[in-house]
C-alpha cells in the first residue's frame, strides 16, 4: 500500500510499481518498493516468450494468446475473472500440441501448455453437458404447452425446476473454467519468424554493420565527464528532487534533445508517417492488450495505486490504442504514425558503470514509429522500419550493428525483432539504441483492431447481408526512431574533440539555431 499525501487540499496520487514483461533489453527486473510521484490530482507485464518453424503456425498462437485486465477474485473459490477476453483457438493448439510445445521451449516461456489443454477438455465436457440439459429443459417447456393432467403438469414443473437449478450450476462452472482457461493462455506469446535464431541473446545474428569506430588520438571521455565539463547535465540535483536515475538537461543538451526530436520527426514524416503526441497515462487494460502485464511480481511499469492507470513505458501503447475496437476500411491501410512522448520505466536491477548516466534512466523522451497494415504486408513494413532507423543513424555518422534477435530475447508480442546497437566509445562497448518489431495480429486481436477487405466475398454470407467481406485483424509493428538519452550518449562520446568540445552533426545544426560546436563554459 502506498500513502496519499495532502497539501493545500491537493491529493498527490501514489504511484506503485507494476509488472510488465520485457519487450526489449531496455527492461530488466523489479524494484521491490513503492514510489510516490506527484500527479496533483484532486480526485482520489508474467513475461512468457515462444517460437515455431512452420508457416502454418502463424495463425494459431497469434490468434490464441491472451492477456487479461486487472482481475478480481471470487470469494467462493478464488477464481480470478478477466475483464476482457481475446479470441483463442484452443482446438488448433490441441491439434498442434507438439509444435506449440516446441515454440514454448524455444521462447523460454513459462506457459503451462498441459494445464491449458486440460482446462480446455474440461470446458468442452461441461459445455456438452450444458447443451444436453438445455435440450431437456426445452423439451419440458414444449410439453408444458399442451393439455396435460394436473399430476403430469406438476411432474413436468418439478422436472423443469430441477433442470433449471442443475443448469445454473453447470453454467456457473463453465464461466469459471473459461475464465481460468483465458488466464492460463495469457502466457502463450506470439509465434516466431522461421528465420529467427534459436537461443538466448548471445545467439542473435548480425544483419548489418555500418561505419567503423572512430580512431581517437587522445584519451576518450565518457558522456558523464563530458557533460560535467560542458555543464550539460545535473544528476545530483535530480537525485535530490526525484531520486536516482533522474536528471536535468542543461544548456546545449536541451537544444540537442529538441533538435533530435524535431529532426527525427521531420525525416520520418517524409516517409508518409502522421505525427502524434500521446497521452502518457493509459488504462492498464490497454497496456495488457498490447501484450504486457502491468500488475504482478516482476515490475517495470509505474501504476497509479487506486486507479486503473499506468505511466507509459513506450508510445507503442497509446498509439496502439488509438483504433481500439475499430473496423477500418481496407483503403485506410496502412496507417503509419510517428509519436513523440515521455516514457517511464523502473529499470530495476540495473547496476554498474555500463548503466551510469543517461544510458539507463527512469524518464526519457522518445520518438516511436507504429504501423497498422494488412497481414500480407507486415514483413515488408518491418524491413521499411529498420531501414528508416538505419538511415537516421547513418545520417548522424554513427557506427552501429543491426541484429536479428534470438527467440529467447523476444518479448511476448514480437514475431521478429531487429535491434540496433551503436558504438559508445566512452563506455567502451556497443549499446542498444533502437529496436523494430513485427507483432503480426498479436496486439490487434487483443485491441480489437480489424479491417474489412474491399473486395466482397463471392457469395452472400447470410441472407440479407449481401456480399460483405468478413473482417480481418490488422498486423501491427513498432520501431524506435530516437531514444533521446542514448542518442545524446552516442553523439557526445563519438563527436568529442581533444580540447573538450563536441561537434554537432550536420543534420542537427539547423534545428539548433546553426550551432556547430559545444564548447566548455568560460569561468
Protein backbone atom coordinates (compact mmCIF):
# COMPACT_ATOMS: atom_id res chain seq x y z
CA UNK A 1 0.00 0.00 0.00
CA UNK A 2 1.20 3.49 -0.78
CA UNK A 3 0.42 6.58 1.24
CA UNK A 4 -1.55 9.51 -0.08
CA UNK A 5 -0.39 12.94 0.99
CA UNK A 6 -2.39 16.15 1.10
CA UNK A 7 -1.01 19.65 0.58
CA UNK A 8 -3.37 22.60 0.48
CA UNK A 9 -6.31 20.39 -0.39
CA UNK A 10 -4.45 18.76 -3.28
CA UNK A 11 -4.12 14.98 -3.42
CA UNK A 12 -0.80 13.55 -4.53
CA UNK A 13 -1.54 10.20 -6.15
CA UNK A 14 0.58 7.25 -5.09
CA UNK A 15 2.43 5.60 -7.94
CA UNK A 16 3.10 1.96 -7.35
CA UNK A 17 5.46 -0.15 -9.44
CA UNK A 18 3.57 -2.66 -11.54
CA UNK A 19 4.69 -5.52 -13.71
CA UNK A 20 5.35 -5.53 -17.43
CA UNK A 21 7.21 -8.14 -19.50
CA UNK A 22 10.48 -7.14 -21.10
CA UNK A 23 9.76 -6.45 -24.76
CA UNK A 24 13.28 -5.12 -25.20
CA UNK A 25 16.57 -5.32 -23.39
CA UNK A 26 15.95 -1.82 -22.02
CA UNK A 27 13.79 -3.54 -19.37
CA UNK A 28 15.24 -5.58 -16.53
CA UNK A 29 13.96 -6.68 -13.11
CA UNK A 30 11.58 -5.32 -10.45
CA UNK A 31 12.22 -2.60 -7.90
CA UNK A 32 10.84 -4.01 -4.64
CA UNK A 33 9.31 -0.85 -3.26
CA UNK A 34 6.62 1.75 -3.83
CA UNK A 35 7.46 5.13 -5.28
CA UNK A 36 5.36 8.24 -4.72
CA UNK A 37 5.24 10.66 -7.63
CA UNK A 38 3.11 13.80 -7.87
CA UNK A 39 0.13 13.71 -10.18
CA UNK A 40 -1.55 16.63 -8.35
CA UNK A 41 -4.98 15.15 -8.86
CA UNK A 42 -7.85 16.49 -6.85
CA UNK A 43 -9.56 13.15 -7.14
CA UNK A 44 -8.70 10.42 -5.43
CA UNK A 45 3.96 -7.43 -17.76
CA UNK A 46 4.22 -12.72 -16.34
CA UNK A 47 6.66 -12.42 -19.22
CA UNK A 48 6.26 -15.59 -21.27
CA UNK A 49 8.06 -15.74 -24.54
CA UNK A 50 7.76 -18.75 -27.96
CA UNK A 51 8.73 -19.98 -31.48
CA UNK A 52 7.71 -22.14 -34.46
CA UNK A 53 9.42 -23.03 -37.72
CA UNK A 54 6.26 -23.72 -39.69
CA UNK A 55 4.32 -21.04 -41.54
CA UNK A 56 1.12 -22.91 -40.65
CA UNK A 57 1.62 -22.00 -37.01
CA UNK A 58 1.37 -18.25 -37.57
CA UNK A 59 -2.39 -18.03 -37.31
CA UNK A 60 -2.97 -20.08 -34.24
CA UNK A 61 -0.99 -18.66 -31.39
CA UNK A 62 -1.24 -15.09 -32.62
CA UNK A 63 -4.95 -15.76 -32.60
CA UNK A 64 -4.91 -17.65 -29.39
CA UNK A 65 -2.62 -15.94 -26.93
CA UNK A 66 -4.45 -13.78 -24.46
CA UNK A 67 -3.85 -11.06 -21.92
CA UNK A 68 -6.28 -10.14 -19.20
CA UNK A 69 -7.13 -6.94 -17.42
CA UNK A 70 -6.71 -6.35 -13.70
CA UNK A 71 -8.68 -9.13 -12.16
CA UNK A 72 -10.91 -9.62 -9.16
CA UNK A 73 -11.25 -12.80 -7.11
CA UNK A 74 -14.37 -14.72 -6.34
CA UNK A 75 -14.75 -15.10 -2.58
CA UNK A 76 -16.12 -18.59 -3.04
CA UNK A 77 -13.34 -20.34 -4.95
CA UNK A 78 -10.70 -17.67 -5.60
CA UNK A 79 -11.12 -17.96 -9.39
CA UNK A 80 -9.76 -14.82 -10.99
CA UNK A 81 -12.12 -13.30 -13.53
CA UNK A 82 -10.64 -11.50 -16.57
CA UNK A 83 -12.37 -8.27 -17.53
CA UNK A 84 -11.87 -8.84 -21.27
CA UNK A 85 -11.08 -11.78 -23.49
CA UNK A 86 -9.29 -12.46 -26.76
CA UNK A 87 -10.38 -14.97 -29.38
CA UNK A 88 -8.49 -18.17 -28.58
CA UNK A 89 -8.25 -21.10 -30.97
CA UNK A 90 -7.82 -23.83 -28.39
CA UNK A 91 -8.75 -26.53 -30.87
CA UNK A 92 -5.80 -25.55 -33.03
CA UNK A 93 -3.48 -25.61 -30.03
CA UNK A 94 -4.75 -29.07 -29.08
CA UNK A 95 -4.35 -30.37 -32.63
CA UNK A 96 -0.81 -28.96 -32.86
CA UNK A 97 0.31 -29.73 -29.32
CA UNK A 98 3.86 -30.81 -30.20
CA UNK A 99 4.58 -27.77 -32.35
CA UNK A 100 3.19 -25.44 -29.70
CA UNK A 101 5.27 -27.13 -27.01
CA UNK A 102 8.40 -26.62 -29.12
CA UNK A 103 7.53 -22.95 -29.52
CA UNK A 104 7.16 -22.53 -25.79
CA UNK A 105 10.54 -24.15 -25.23
CA UNK A 106 12.32 -22.06 -27.87
CA UNK A 107 10.95 -18.82 -26.43
CA UNK A 108 11.86 -19.81 -22.83
CA UNK A 109 8.22 -19.34 -21.93
CA UNK A 110 6.69 -20.42 -18.63
CA UNK A 111 3.34 -21.07 -20.30
CA UNK A 112 1.73 -24.25 -18.94
CA UNK A 113 0.50 -25.93 -22.11
CA UNK A 114 -0.61 -29.12 -20.36
CA UNK A 115 -2.81 -27.14 -17.98
CA UNK A 116 -4.27 -25.14 -20.86
CA UNK A 117 -5.19 -28.33 -22.70
CA UNK A 118 -6.55 -29.95 -19.52
CA UNK A 119 -8.78 -26.95 -18.83
CA UNK A 120 -9.90 -26.93 -22.45
CA UNK A 121 -11.01 -30.57 -22.30
CA UNK A 122 -12.86 -29.91 -19.05
CA UNK A 123 -14.55 -26.90 -20.59
CA UNK A 124 -15.66 -28.96 -23.60
CA UNK A 125 -17.13 -31.62 -21.31
CA UNK A 126 -19.06 -29.07 -19.28
CA UNK A 127 -20.22 -27.33 -22.47
CA UNK A 128 -21.56 -30.63 -23.77
CA UNK A 129 -23.45 -31.27 -20.55
CA UNK A 130 -24.84 -27.73 -20.53
CA UNK A 131 -26.13 -28.21 -24.06
CA UNK A 132 -27.73 -31.53 -23.10
CA UNK A 133 -29.54 -30.00 -20.13
CA UNK A 134 -30.69 -27.06 -22.21
CA UNK A 135 -32.17 -29.50 -24.69
CA UNK A 136 -34.01 -31.35 -21.94
CA UNK A 137 -35.23 -28.07 -20.47
CA UNK A 138 -36.59 -27.01 -23.85
CA UNK A 139 -38.29 -30.36 -24.31
CA UNK A 140 -40.01 -30.00 -20.96
CA UNK A 141 -41.11 -26.49 -21.84
CA UNK A 142 -42.63 -27.70 -25.10
CA UNK A 143 -44.56 -30.47 -23.30
CA UNK A 144 -45.98 -27.86 -20.93
CA UNK A 145 -47.64 -26.10 -23.86
CA UNK A 146 -50.08 -28.96 -24.44
CA UNK A 147 -53.12 -30.11 -22.48
CA UNK A 148 -51.94 -32.14 -19.50
CA UNK A 149 -53.37 -33.82 -16.46
CA UNK A 150 -52.71 -31.92 -13.25
CA UNK A 151 -50.41 -34.63 -11.95
CA UNK A 152 -48.48 -34.77 -15.23
CA UNK A 153 -48.12 -30.97 -15.31
CA UNK A 154 -46.88 -30.93 -11.72
CA UNK A 155 -44.36 -33.61 -12.57
CA UNK A 156 -43.08 -31.55 -15.50
CA UNK A 157 -42.91 -28.42 -13.34
CA UNK A 158 -40.74 -30.25 -10.83
CA UNK A 159 -38.57 -31.69 -13.57
CA UNK A 160 -38.15 -28.26 -15.14
CA UNK A 161 -37.21 -26.78 -11.77
CA UNK A 162 -34.52 -29.42 -11.23
CA UNK A 163 -33.17 -28.91 -14.73
CA UNK A 164 -33.05 -25.14 -14.20
CA UNK A 165 -31.11 -25.50 -10.96
CA UNK A 166 -28.70 -28.02 -12.42
CA UNK A 167 -28.19 -25.91 -15.49
CA UNK A 168 -27.47 -22.79 -13.43
CA UNK A 169 -24.75 -24.65 -11.51
CA UNK A 170 -23.16 -26.01 -14.67
CA UNK A 171 -23.29 -22.63 -16.41
CA UNK A 172 -21.51 -21.08 -13.44
CA UNK A 173 -18.87 -23.81 -13.61
CA UNK A 174 -18.49 -23.19 -17.34
CA UNK A 175 -17.87 -19.48 -16.80
CA UNK A 176 -15.22 -20.21 -14.17
CA UNK A 177 -13.49 -22.77 -16.38
CA UNK A 178 -13.50 -20.35 -19.31
CA UNK A 179 -12.02 -17.58 -17.17
CA UNK A 180 -9.30 -19.85 -15.81
CA UNK A 181 -8.52 -21.04 -19.31
CA UNK A 182 -8.17 -17.47 -20.52
CA UNK A 183 -5.83 -16.58 -17.67
CA UNK A 184 -3.59 -19.57 -18.28
CA UNK A 185 -3.49 -18.86 -22.01
CA UNK A 186 -2.11 -15.36 -21.42
CA UNK A 187 1.37 -16.83 -21.03
CA UNK A 188 1.43 -18.05 -24.62
CA UNK A 189 3.38 -15.44 -26.61
CA UNK A 190 3.34 -14.70 -30.29
CA UNK A 191 4.78 -17.01 -32.91
CA UNK A 192 8.34 -16.58 -34.15
CA UNK A 193 9.59 -15.99 -37.68
CA UNK A 194 11.23 -19.17 -39.06
CA UNK A 195 14.48 -17.27 -39.74
CA UNK A 196 14.86 -16.08 -36.16
CA UNK A 197 17.85 -17.78 -34.49
CA UNK A 198 17.00 -20.13 -31.64
CA UNK A 199 18.51 -19.46 -28.23
CA UNK A 200 19.31 -16.64 -25.88
CA UNK A 201 20.60 -13.15 -26.65
CA UNK A 202 24.05 -14.49 -27.49
CA UNK A 203 22.52 -16.45 -30.37
CA UNK A 204 21.33 -13.28 -32.10
CA UNK A 205 22.90 -12.73 -35.51
CA UNK A 206 24.27 -9.56 -37.13
CA UNK A 207 22.21 -8.42 -40.12
CA UNK A 208 24.26 -5.35 -40.94
CA UNK A 209 27.23 -3.33 -39.75
CA UNK A 210 27.61 0.33 -40.73
CA UNK A 211 30.66 2.55 -40.32
CA UNK A 212 33.75 1.91 -38.22
CA UNK A 213 34.77 3.00 -34.72
CA UNK A 214 36.47 6.39 -34.71
CA UNK A 215 40.22 6.35 -34.07
CA UNK A 216 40.80 8.90 -31.31
CA UNK A 217 44.26 10.37 -30.94
CA UNK A 218 43.63 11.38 -27.34
CA UNK A 219 42.14 9.86 -24.15
CA UNK A 220 38.40 9.28 -24.63
CA UNK A 221 35.95 10.67 -22.09
CA UNK A 222 32.54 9.20 -21.36
CA UNK A 223 29.37 11.29 -21.62
CA UNK A 224 29.26 11.85 -17.87
CA UNK A 225 32.65 13.53 -17.82
CA UNK A 226 31.86 15.48 -20.97
CA UNK A 227 28.52 16.57 -19.58
CA UNK A 228 30.12 17.78 -16.37
CA UNK A 229 32.85 19.75 -18.13
CA UNK A 230 30.39 21.25 -20.64
CA UNK A 231 27.71 21.90 -17.99
CA UNK A 232 25.08 19.80 -19.80
CA UNK A 233 23.60 17.63 -17.01
CA UNK A 234 22.78 17.76 -13.33
CA UNK A 235 22.26 14.30 -11.84
CA UNK A 236 22.90 15.37 -8.24
CA UNK A 237 20.06 17.89 -8.09
CA UNK A 238 17.72 15.45 -9.85
CA UNK A 239 18.58 12.76 -7.31
CA UNK A 240 17.58 15.14 -4.50
CA UNK A 241 14.36 16.12 -6.26
CA UNK A 242 13.26 12.80 -7.77
CA UNK A 243 15.69 10.01 -6.83
CA UNK A 244 18.39 8.07 -8.63
CA UNK A 245 18.32 7.64 -12.43
CA UNK A 246 16.69 11.03 -12.98
CA UNK A 247 18.46 14.02 -14.50
CA UNK A 248 18.27 17.64 -15.56
CA UNK A 249 19.45 18.54 -19.06
CA UNK A 250 21.03 21.99 -19.28
CA UNK A 251 22.24 24.46 -21.86
CA UNK A 252 23.11 22.89 -25.23
CA UNK A 253 21.88 19.47 -24.08
CA UNK A 254 18.34 20.87 -24.03
CA UNK A 255 18.77 22.18 -27.56
CA UNK A 256 20.25 18.83 -28.58
CA UNK A 257 17.22 16.93 -27.28
CA UNK A 258 14.82 19.25 -29.10
CA UNK A 259 16.91 19.02 -32.26
CA UNK A 260 16.96 15.23 -32.18
CA UNK A 261 13.18 15.08 -31.73
CA UNK A 262 12.35 17.64 -34.40
CA UNK A 263 14.87 16.34 -36.94
CA UNK A 264 13.69 12.76 -36.42
CA UNK A 265 10.04 13.73 -36.78
CA UNK A 266 10.73 15.69 -39.94
CA UNK A 267 12.69 12.83 -41.51
CA UNK A 268 10.14 10.15 -40.64
CA UNK A 269 7.22 12.32 -41.79
CA UNK A 270 8.85 12.37 -45.25
CA UNK A 271 8.14 8.63 -45.36
CA UNK A 272 4.39 9.19 -45.01
CA UNK A 273 4.05 8.94 -41.23
CA UNK A 274 1.45 11.01 -39.36
CA UNK A 275 2.93 12.82 -36.33
CA UNK A 276 1.34 12.38 -32.91
CA UNK A 277 1.80 13.33 -29.31
CA UNK A 278 0.19 10.84 -26.97
CA UNK A 279 -1.32 10.51 -23.51
CA UNK A 280 1.34 9.38 -21.06
CA UNK A 281 -1.14 7.85 -18.63
CA UNK A 282 -3.12 4.93 -20.04
CA UNK A 283 -5.55 2.36 -18.72
CA UNK A 284 -3.87 -0.83 -17.56
CA UNK A 285 -6.15 -2.84 -19.86
CA UNK A 286 -4.59 -1.10 -22.88
CA UNK A 287 -1.13 -2.00 -21.58
CA UNK A 288 -2.26 -5.61 -21.35
CA UNK A 289 -3.86 -5.66 -24.76
CA UNK A 290 -0.56 -4.54 -26.26
CA UNK A 291 0.96 -7.71 -24.82
CA UNK A 292 2.28 -6.51 -21.47
CA UNK A 293 1.12 -7.22 -17.94
CA UNK A 294 1.04 -4.11 -15.75
CA UNK A 295 0.45 -5.80 -12.40
CA UNK A 296 2.38 -8.67 -10.89
CA UNK A 297 5.65 -9.61 -9.27
CA UNK A 298 8.10 -8.57 -11.99
CA UNK A 299 7.67 -4.87 -12.41
CA UNK A 300 8.82 -2.37 -14.99
CA UNK A 301 5.78 -0.07 -15.05
CA UNK A 302 4.69 2.68 -12.70
CA UNK A 303 0.97 2.26 -12.00
CA UNK A 304 -1.17 4.68 -10.00
CA UNK A 305 -2.41 2.93 -6.90
CA UNK A 306 -6.17 3.02 -6.50
CA UNK A 307 -6.77 3.53 -10.22
CA UNK A 308 -6.53 1.53 -13.44
CA UNK A 309 -3.94 3.84 -14.97
CA UNK A 310 -0.23 3.40 -15.68
CA UNK A 311 2.57 5.62 -16.92
CA UNK A 312 3.64 4.51 -20.38
CA UNK A 313 6.98 2.85 -20.99
CA UNK A 314 6.68 3.49 -24.73
CA UNK A 315 4.36 5.37 -27.10
CA UNK A 316 3.64 1.99 -28.70
CA UNK A 317 0.95 1.54 -26.04
CA UNK A 318 -1.17 4.69 -26.50
CA UNK A 319 -0.68 4.64 -30.28
CA UNK A 320 -1.76 1.01 -30.36
CA UNK A 321 -4.93 2.01 -28.55
CA UNK A 322 -5.98 4.76 -30.99
CA UNK A 323 -8.02 2.39 -33.15
CA UNK A 324 -9.04 0.01 -30.39
CA UNK A 325 -12.32 -1.84 -31.14
CA UNK A 326 -12.49 -0.28 -34.60
CA UNK A 327 -13.25 -1.76 -38.01
CA UNK A 328 -11.16 0.09 -40.60
CA UNK A 329 -11.73 0.23 -44.32
CA UNK A 330 -9.02 -1.54 -46.28
CA UNK A 331 -8.41 1.71 -48.16
CA UNK A 332 -7.29 3.32 -44.87
CA UNK A 333 -4.35 0.92 -44.60
CA UNK A 334 -1.53 1.21 -43.98
CA UNK A 335 -1.77 3.62 -41.06
CA UNK A 336 1.71 4.91 -40.23
CA UNK A 337 2.27 7.01 -37.12
CA UNK A 338 5.34 8.67 -35.62
CA UNK A 339 4.74 9.63 -32.00
CA UNK A 340 6.66 11.74 -29.52
CA UNK A 341 6.21 11.00 -25.83
CA UNK A 342 7.94 10.85 -22.49
CA UNK A 343 8.48 7.30 -21.29
CA UNK A 344 8.73 5.95 -17.75
CA UNK A 345 10.46 2.71 -16.77
CA UNK A 346 11.66 1.39 -13.45
CA UNK A 347 14.86 -0.06 -14.99
CA UNK A 348 15.14 -2.23 -11.90
CA UNK A 349 18.18 -4.38 -11.31
CA UNK A 350 20.48 -2.21 -13.41
CA UNK A 351 23.87 -1.58 -11.87
CA UNK A 352 27.46 -0.95 -12.84
CA UNK A 353 29.38 1.53 -14.96
CA UNK A 354 27.58 0.49 -18.16
CA UNK A 355 24.28 1.79 -16.78
CA UNK A 356 25.54 5.07 -15.32
CA UNK A 357 24.49 8.48 -16.50
CA UNK A 358 21.96 8.77 -19.30
CA UNK A 359 22.24 5.19 -20.50
CA UNK A 360 19.55 3.77 -18.20
CA UNK A 361 17.11 6.23 -16.66
CA UNK A 362 13.56 6.24 -15.31
CA UNK A 363 12.19 9.00 -17.55
CA UNK A 364 13.16 9.91 -21.09
CA UNK A 365 11.89 11.32 -24.37
CA UNK A 366 11.40 9.05 -27.36
CA UNK A 367 10.13 9.15 -30.92
CA UNK A 368 8.32 5.92 -31.83
CA UNK A 369 7.04 4.63 -35.17
CA UNK A 370 3.90 2.47 -35.33
CA UNK A 371 2.30 0.81 -38.35
CA UNK A 372 -1.06 -0.90 -38.85
CA UNK A 373 -1.25 -2.82 -42.13
CA UNK A 374 -2.73 -5.77 -43.98
CA UNK A 375 -1.33 -9.17 -42.91
CA UNK A 376 0.47 -9.81 -46.19
CA UNK A 377 2.35 -6.52 -45.89
CA UNK A 378 3.77 -6.68 -42.37
CA UNK A 379 7.11 -8.26 -43.26
CA UNK A 380 7.80 -5.61 -45.90
CA UNK A 381 6.91 -2.83 -43.45
CA UNK A 382 9.24 -4.41 -40.91
CA UNK A 383 12.04 -4.02 -43.43
CA UNK A 384 10.94 -0.44 -44.09
CA UNK A 385 11.03 0.43 -40.40
CA UNK A 386 14.52 -0.94 -39.82
CA UNK A 387 15.77 0.85 -42.94
CA UNK A 388 14.38 4.16 -41.66
CA UNK A 389 16.19 3.60 -38.36
CA UNK A 390 19.46 2.70 -40.08
CA UNK A 391 19.24 5.69 -42.43
CA UNK A 392 18.72 8.03 -39.45
CA UNK A 393 21.70 6.64 -37.57
CA UNK A 394 23.90 6.66 -40.69
CA UNK A 395 22.97 10.30 -41.33
CA UNK A 396 24.27 11.10 -37.85
CA UNK A 397 27.54 9.32 -38.63
CA UNK A 398 27.16 6.54 -36.05
CA UNK A 399 28.92 3.20 -36.17
CA UNK A 400 26.31 0.53 -35.43
CA UNK A 401 25.27 -3.08 -35.81
CA UNK A 402 21.78 -4.38 -36.60
CA UNK A 403 20.85 -7.71 -35.01
CA UNK A 404 18.17 -10.29 -35.77
CA UNK A 405 17.30 -11.07 -32.17
CA UNK A 406 17.18 -14.67 -30.98
CA UNK A 407 13.96 -16.39 -29.89
CA UNK A 408 14.77 -16.21 -26.17
CA UNK A 409 15.23 -12.44 -26.31
CA UNK A 410 11.87 -11.62 -27.92
CA UNK A 411 9.13 -10.01 -25.89
CA UNK A 412 5.75 -11.74 -25.84
CA UNK A 413 4.15 -9.69 -28.66
CA UNK A 414 7.08 -9.88 -31.13
CA UNK A 415 7.12 -12.27 -34.08
CA UNK A 416 10.51 -10.94 -35.09
CA UNK A 417 12.65 -8.13 -33.69
CA UNK A 418 15.64 -6.25 -35.04
CA UNK A 419 17.84 -4.37 -32.57
CA UNK A 420 20.35 -1.65 -33.39
CA UNK A 421 23.43 -1.25 -31.18
CA UNK A 422 25.72 1.76 -31.63
CA UNK A 423 29.35 2.11 -30.60
CA UNK A 424 29.74 4.22 -27.47
CA UNK A 425 33.50 4.86 -27.09
CA UNK A 426 33.25 6.40 -23.63
CA UNK A 427 31.50 3.30 -22.34
CA UNK A 428 33.84 1.14 -24.42
CA UNK A 429 31.07 -1.01 -25.83
CA UNK A 430 28.05 -1.17 -28.08
CA UNK A 431 24.76 -0.09 -26.55
CA UNK A 432 21.22 -0.65 -27.76
CA UNK A 433 19.70 2.49 -29.26
CA UNK A 434 16.71 1.11 -31.13
CA UNK A 435 14.55 -1.87 -31.99
CA UNK A 436 11.91 -2.72 -34.60
CA UNK A 437 9.29 -5.42 -34.01
CA UNK A 438 6.69 -7.13 -36.15
CA UNK A 439 3.85 -8.27 -33.90
CA UNK A 440 1.57 -9.77 -36.58
CA UNK A 441 -2.02 -9.79 -35.22
CA UNK A 442 -0.97 -10.49 -31.62
CA UNK A 443 -1.86 -6.98 -30.46
CA UNK A 444 -4.75 -6.31 -32.82
CA UNK A 445 -6.63 -9.40 -31.61
CA UNK A 446 -6.49 -8.02 -28.10
CA UNK A 447 -7.12 -4.42 -29.05
CA UNK A 448 -9.94 -5.42 -31.40
CA UNK A 449 -8.49 -3.65 -34.45
CA UNK A 450 -9.90 -5.12 -37.65
CA UNK A 451 -10.35 -4.07 -41.24
CA UNK A 452 -12.89 -5.02 -43.91
CA UNK A 453 -11.39 -6.08 -47.24
CA UNK A 454 -12.53 -4.02 -50.20
CA UNK A 455 -13.37 -6.98 -52.41
CA UNK A 456 -16.63 -8.72 -51.46
CA UNK A 457 -16.85 -12.46 -50.99
CA UNK A 458 -18.13 -14.48 -53.99
CA UNK A 459 -21.40 -15.40 -52.30
CA UNK A 460 -23.58 -13.78 -49.62
CA UNK A 461 -22.54 -14.72 -46.10
CA UNK A 462 -26.08 -14.61 -44.75
CA UNK A 463 -29.49 -13.92 -46.12
CA UNK A 464 -29.97 -10.19 -46.44
CA UNK A 465 -26.29 -9.46 -45.82
CA UNK A 466 -25.31 -9.13 -49.45
CA UNK A 467 -21.69 -9.91 -50.29
CA UNK A 468 -19.96 -8.02 -47.47
CA UNK A 469 -16.49 -9.41 -46.87
CA UNK A 470 -15.72 -10.67 -43.37
CA UNK A 471 -13.36 -8.56 -41.29
CA UNK A 472 -9.74 -9.44 -40.66
CA UNK A 473 -7.30 -8.38 -37.97
CA UNK A 474 -4.61 -5.90 -38.95
CA UNK A 475 -0.95 -6.51 -38.28
CA UNK A 476 0.94 -4.05 -36.05
CA UNK A 477 4.60 -3.07 -35.99
CA UNK A 478 6.59 -0.71 -33.80
CA UNK A 479 10.07 0.77 -34.00
CA UNK A 480 12.12 3.32 -32.08
CA UNK A 481 13.21 6.21 -34.27
CA UNK A 482 15.02 8.09 -31.49
CA UNK A 483 15.51 7.26 -27.81
CA UNK A 484 16.89 10.66 -26.84
CA UNK A 485 19.19 9.94 -23.85
CA UNK A 486 21.06 7.16 -25.60
CA UNK A 487 21.38 9.22 -28.73
CA UNK A 488 22.91 12.01 -26.64
CA UNK A 489 25.36 9.48 -25.18
CA UNK A 490 26.35 8.41 -28.71
CA UNK A 491 26.74 11.93 -30.07
CA UNK A 492 28.73 13.33 -27.14
CA UNK A 493 31.10 10.38 -26.99
CA UNK A 494 31.62 9.96 -30.74
CA UNK A 495 31.92 13.67 -31.61
CA UNK A 496 34.14 14.77 -28.71
CA UNK A 497 37.31 16.70 -29.55
CA UNK A 498 40.68 16.81 -27.85
CA UNK A 499 40.03 20.30 -26.47
CA UNK A 500 36.90 19.05 -24.68
CA UNK A 501 34.41 20.45 -27.18
CA UNK A 502 31.79 18.40 -29.04
CA UNK A 503 30.89 18.84 -32.71
CA UNK A 504 27.18 18.97 -33.60
CA UNK A 505 26.41 16.58 -36.50
CA UNK A 506 25.46 18.42 -39.69
CA UNK A 507 21.78 17.28 -39.89
CA UNK A 508 21.05 18.71 -36.43
CA UNK A 509 22.60 22.15 -36.81
CA UNK A 510 19.60 23.77 -38.49
CA UNK A 511 17.49 22.56 -35.55
CA UNK A 512 19.93 24.13 -33.05
CA UNK A 513 19.95 27.63 -34.47
CA UNK A 514 23.05 26.94 -36.57
CA UNK A 515 25.19 25.86 -33.59
CA UNK A 516 28.13 23.77 -34.77
CA UNK A 517 30.12 23.20 -31.59
CA UNK A 518 29.50 22.76 -27.88
CA UNK A 519 32.42 24.32 -26.03
CA UNK A 520 33.43 24.42 -22.36
CA UNK A 521 31.91 27.32 -20.46
CA UNK A 522 34.27 30.13 -19.53
CA UNK A 523 34.61 30.58 -15.75
